[in-house]
Amino acid sequence: MGMISVTATLRAALEGCGQTRYAVSKETGIPESTLSRFVAGGKPLRGENIDKLSEYLGLELMPKVKQSGTIKPGKKGRK
């Protein structure tokens, strides 16, 4: 089973939150044009805007846990 990306989760939550992009913009401080481009699949959000939008939508990033209860290590650096 594939993992859903953070951006896909944010887009779906934003589209399903029941608020206009204008209202979300006013509440979060993220420009409405930025939200519109993000929802349309254009320009990605910057880190601080991901944090603001996640908090507004009540989303939380959680580590993936193995069956044994230990946290799976993420990729560190590039080779």
C-alpha atoms as a PDB file:
ATOM      1  CA  MET A   1       0.000   0.000   0.000  1.00  0.00           C
ATOM      2  CA  GLY A   2       1.452   3.369  -1.031  1.00  0.00           C
ATOM      3  CA  MET A   3       1.938   6.265   1.312  1.00  0.00           C
ATOM      4  CA  ILE A   4      -0.028   9.460   0.674  1.00  0.00           C
ATOM      5  CA  SER A   5       2.256  12.493   0.383  1.00  0.00           C
ATOM      6  CA  VAL A   6       2.176  15.372   2.830  1.00  0.00           C
ATOM      7  CA  THR A   7       1.242  17.801   0.044  1.00  0.00           C
ATOM      8  CA  ALA A   8      -1.614  15.578  -1.160  1.00  0.00           C
ATOM      9  CA  THR A   9      -2.911  15.361   2.410  1.00  0.00           C
ATOM     10  CA  LEU A  10      -2.691  19.151   2.821  1.00  0.00           C
ATOM     11  CA  ARG A  11      -4.471  19.776  -0.492  1.00  0.00           C
ATOM     12  CA  ALA A  12      -7.293  17.372   0.360  1.00  0.00           C
ATOM     13  CA  ALA A  13      -7.687  18.814   3.866  1.00  0.00           C
ATOM     14  CA  LEU A  14      -7.706  22.382   2.541  1.00  0.00           C
ATOM     15  CA  GLU A  15     -10.280  21.573  -0.135  1.00  0.00           C
ATOM     16  CA  GLY A  16     -12.445  19.694   2.373  1.00  0.00           C
ATOM     17  CA  CYS A  17     -12.255  22.119   5.305  1.00  0.00           C
ATOM     18  CA  GLY A  18     -15.411  24.004   4.343  1.00  0.00           C
ATOM     19  CA  GLN A  19     -13.715  27.411   4.341  1.00  0.00           C
ATOM     20  CA  THR A  20     -12.904  29.633   1.388  1.00  0.00           C
ATOM     21  CA  ARG A  21      -9.270  30.220   0.504  1.00  0.00           C
ATOM     22  CA  TYR A  22      -9.876  33.855   1.413  1.00  0.00           C
ATOM     23  CA  ALA A  23     -10.953  32.868   4.948  1.00  0.00           C
ATOM     24  CA  VAL A  24      -8.016  30.469   5.330  1.00  0.00           C
ATOM     25  CA  SER A  25      -5.677  33.187   4.071  1.00  0.00           C
ATOM     26  CA  LYS A  26      -6.968  35.719   6.604  1.00  0.00           C
ATOM     27  CA  GLU A  27      -6.693  33.225   9.470  1.00  0.00           C
ATOM     28  CA  THR A  28      -3.233  31.858   8.586  1.00  0.00           C
ATOM     29  CA  GLY A  29      -1.536  34.854   6.987  1.00  0.00           C
ATOM     30  CA  ILE A  30      -0.757  32.780   3.869  1.00  0.00           C
ATOM     31  CA  PRO A  31      -1.591  34.831   0.748  1.00  0.00           C
ATOM     32  CA  GLU A  32      -4.737  33.635  -1.041  1.00  0.00           C
ATOM     33  CA  SER A  33      -2.805  33.485  -4.318  1.00  0.00           C
ATOM     34  CA  THR A  34      -0.285  31.112  -2.707  1.00  0.00           C
ATOM     35  CA  LEU A  35      -3.093  28.840  -1.510  1.00  0.00           C
ATOM     36  CA  SER A  36      -4.714  28.893  -4.962  1.00  0.00           C
ATOM     37  CA  ARG A  37      -1.472  27.940  -6.733  1.00  0.00           C
ATOM     38  CA  PHE A  38      -0.872  25.180  -4.184  1.00  0.00           C
ATOM     39  CA  VAL A  39      -4.362  23.677  -4.603  1.00  0.00           C
ATOM     40  CA  ALA A  40      -4.028  23.846  -8.402  1.00  0.00           C
ATOM     41  CA  GLY A  41      -0.848  21.756  -8.145  1.00  0.00           C
ATOM     42  CA  GLY A  42       1.466  24.593  -9.032  1.00  0.00           C
ATOM     43  CA  LYS A  43       3.980  26.180  -6.716  1.00  0.00           C
ATOM     44  CA  PRO A  44       4.641  24.161  -3.523  1.00  0.00           C
ATOM     45  CA  LEU A  45       4.284  25.704  -0.075  1.00  0.00           C
ATOM     46  CA  ARG A  46       7.328  26.837   1.913  1.00  0.00           C
ATOM     47  CA  GLY A  47       8.065  25.152   5.226  1.00  0.00           C
ATOM     48  CA  GLU A  48       6.606  27.885   7.428  1.00  0.00           C
ATOM     49  CA  ASN A  49       3.391  27.905   5.373  1.00  0.00           C
ATOM     50  CA  ILE A  50       3.123  24.112   5.679  1.00  0.00           C
ATOM     51  CA  ASP A  51       3.367  24.580   9.453  1.00  0.00           C
ATOM     52  CA  LYS A  52       0.713  27.334   9.508  1.00  0.00           C
ATOM     53  CA  LEU A  53      -1.684  25.442   7.255  1.00  0.00           C
ATOM     54  CA  SER A  54      -1.215  22.162   9.136  1.00  0.00           C
ATOM     55  CA  GLU A  55      -1.944  23.861  12.446  1.00  0.00           C
ATOM     56  CA  TYR A  56      -5.027  25.618  11.036  1.00  0.00           C
ATOM     57  CA  LEU A  57      -6.356  22.338   9.618  1.00  0.00           C
ATOM     58  CA  GLY A  58      -5.525  20.368  12.774  1.00  0.00           C
ATOM     59  CA  LEU A  59      -3.060  18.073  11.009  1.00  0.00           C
ATOM     60  CA  GLU A  60      -0.059  16.496  12.638  1.00  0.00           C
ATOM     61  CA  LEU A  61       2.921  14.738  11.072  1.00  0.00           C
ATOM     62  CA  MET A  62       3.594  11.450  12.827  1.00  0.00           C
ATOM     63  CA  PRO A  63       6.526   9.063  12.434  1.00  0.00           C
ATOM     64  CA  LYS A  64       5.792   5.755  10.787  1.00  0.00           C
ATOM     65  CA  VAL A  65       6.033   2.900  13.295  1.00  0.00           C
ATOM     66  CA  LYS A  66       7.191  -0.625  12.475  1.00  0.00           C
ATOM     67  CA  GLN A  67       5.312  -3.688  13.720  1.00  0.00           C
ATOM     68  CA  SER A  68       7.873  -4.073  16.517  1.00  0.00           C
ATOM     69  CA  GLY A  69       7.018  -0.594  17.807  1.00  0.00           C
ATOM     70  CA  THR A  70      10.266   1.067  16.773  1.00  0.00           C
ATOM     71  CA  ILE A  71      10.380   4.098  14.528  1.00  0.00           C
ATOM     72  CA  LYS A  72      11.512   3.514  10.952  1.00  0.00           C
ATOM     73  CA  PRO A  73      14.589   5.579  10.191  1.00  0.00           C
ATOM     74  CA  GLY A  74      14.264   8.173   7.439  1.00  0.00           C
ATOM     75  CA  LYS A  75      16.776   8.741   4.695  1.00  0.00           C
ATOM     76  CA  LYS A  76      19.630  10.923   5.873  1.00  0.00           C
ATOM     77  CA  GLY A  77      21.562  12.846   3.260  1.00  0.00           C
ATOM     78  CA  ARG A  78      22.284  11.899  -0.324  1.00  0.00           C
ATOM     79  CA  LYS A  79      25.027   9.760  -1.765  1.00  0.00           C
END
